[in-house]
């Protein structure tokens, strides 16, 4: 159970980081 929860938390953190990175990239690309 602990490992499963840890994996879920890690995946959610990674997805959040990806979203933030994509948003930042889009903002930078806006002319």
N, C-alpha and C. Protein backbone atom coordinates (compact mmCIF):
# COMPACT_ATOMS: atom_id res chain seq x y z
N UNK A 1 0.84 -1.22 0.00
CA UNK A 1 0.00 0.00 0.00
C UNK A 1 0.87 1.26 0.00
N UNK A 2 1.89 1.27 0.86
CA UNK A 2 2.74 2.47 0.94
C UNK A 2 3.40 2.75 -0.41
N UNK A 3 3.93 1.68 -1.02
CA UNK A 3 4.61 1.88 -2.31
C UNK A 3 3.63 2.43 -3.34
N UNK A 4 2.41 1.88 -3.37
CA UNK A 4 1.41 2.35 -4.33
C UNK A 4 1.11 3.83 -4.12
N UNK A 5 0.95 4.22 -2.85
CA UNK A 5 0.65 5.63 -2.56
C UNK A 5 1.83 6.51 -2.99
N UNK A 6 3.04 6.07 -2.70
CA UNK A 6 4.23 6.85 -3.09
C UNK A 6 4.27 7.02 -4.59
N UNK A 7 4.03 5.95 -5.32
CA UNK A 7 4.05 6.02 -6.78
C UNK A 7 3.00 7.01 -7.28
N UNK A 8 1.81 6.95 -6.66
CA UNK A 8 0.75 7.87 -7.10
C UNK A 8 1.17 9.31 -6.85
N UNK A 9 1.72 9.57 -5.69
CA UNK A 9 2.15 10.94 -5.35
C UNK A 9 3.22 11.41 -6.32
N UNK A 10 4.19 10.53 -6.60
CA UNK A 10 5.27 10.90 -7.53
C UNK A 10 4.71 11.21 -8.90
N UNK A 11 3.78 10.38 -9.38
CA UNK A 11 3.21 10.60 -10.72
C UNK A 11 2.44 11.91 -10.74
N UNK A 12 1.68 12.20 -9.67
CA UNK A 12 0.90 13.45 -9.63
C UNK A 12 1.86 14.64 -9.62
N UNK A 13 2.94 14.55 -8.88
CA UNK A 13 3.93 15.64 -8.83
C UNK A 13 4.54 15.84 -10.21
N UNK A 14 4.89 14.75 -10.87
CA UNK A 14 5.50 14.84 -12.20
C UNK A 14 4.53 15.49 -13.18
N UNK A 15 3.25 15.09 -13.12
CA UNK A 15 2.26 15.66 -14.04
C UNK A 15 2.12 17.16 -13.77
N UNK A 16 2.12 17.55 -12.49
CA UNK A 16 2.00 18.98 -12.15
C UNK A 16 3.21 19.74 -12.69
N UNK A 17 4.40 19.16 -12.53
CA UNK A 17 5.61 19.82 -13.02
C UNK A 17 5.56 19.96 -14.54
N UNK A 18 5.08 18.90 -15.21
CA UNK A 18 4.97 18.95 -16.68
C UNK A 18 4.02 20.07 -17.08
N UNK A 19 2.88 20.17 -16.41
CA UNK A 19 1.89 21.22 -16.74
C UNK A 19 2.51 22.59 -16.54
N UNK A 20 3.18 22.80 -15.42
CA UNK A 20 3.79 24.10 -15.14
C UNK A 20 4.86 24.42 -16.20
N UNK A 21 5.67 23.42 -16.55
CA UNK A 21 6.72 23.63 -17.55
C UNK A 21 6.10 24.00 -18.90
N UNK A 22 5.05 23.27 -19.29
CA UNK A 22 4.39 23.56 -20.57
C UNK A 22 3.80 24.97 -20.56
N UNK A 23 3.17 25.34 -19.46
CA UNK A 23 2.57 26.68 -19.37
C UNK A 23 3.66 27.74 -19.49
N UNK A 24 4.78 27.53 -18.81
CA UNK A 24 5.88 28.51 -18.87
C UNK A 24 6.40 28.61 -20.30
N UNK A 25 6.56 27.45 -20.95
CA UNK A 25 7.07 27.42 -22.32
C UNK A 25 6.11 28.18 -23.24
N UNK A 26 4.81 27.93 -23.08
CA UNK A 26 3.82 28.62 -23.92
C UNK A 26 3.91 30.12 -23.70
N UNK A 27 4.03 30.54 -22.45
CA UNK A 27 4.12 31.98 -22.15
C UNK A 27 5.35 32.57 -22.84
N UNK A 28 6.46 31.85 -22.80
CA UNK A 28 7.69 32.35 -23.42
C UNK A 28 7.54 32.42 -24.94
N UNK A 29 6.79 31.47 -25.51
CA UNK A 29 6.65 31.43 -26.96
C UNK A 29 5.70 32.52 -27.47
N UNK A 30 4.84 33.05 -26.61
CA UNK A 30 3.90 34.09 -27.06
C UNK A 30 4.70 35.32 -27.51
N UNK A 31 4.50 35.79 -28.72
CA UNK A 31 5.23 36.95 -29.26
C UNK A 31 4.79 38.26 -28.60
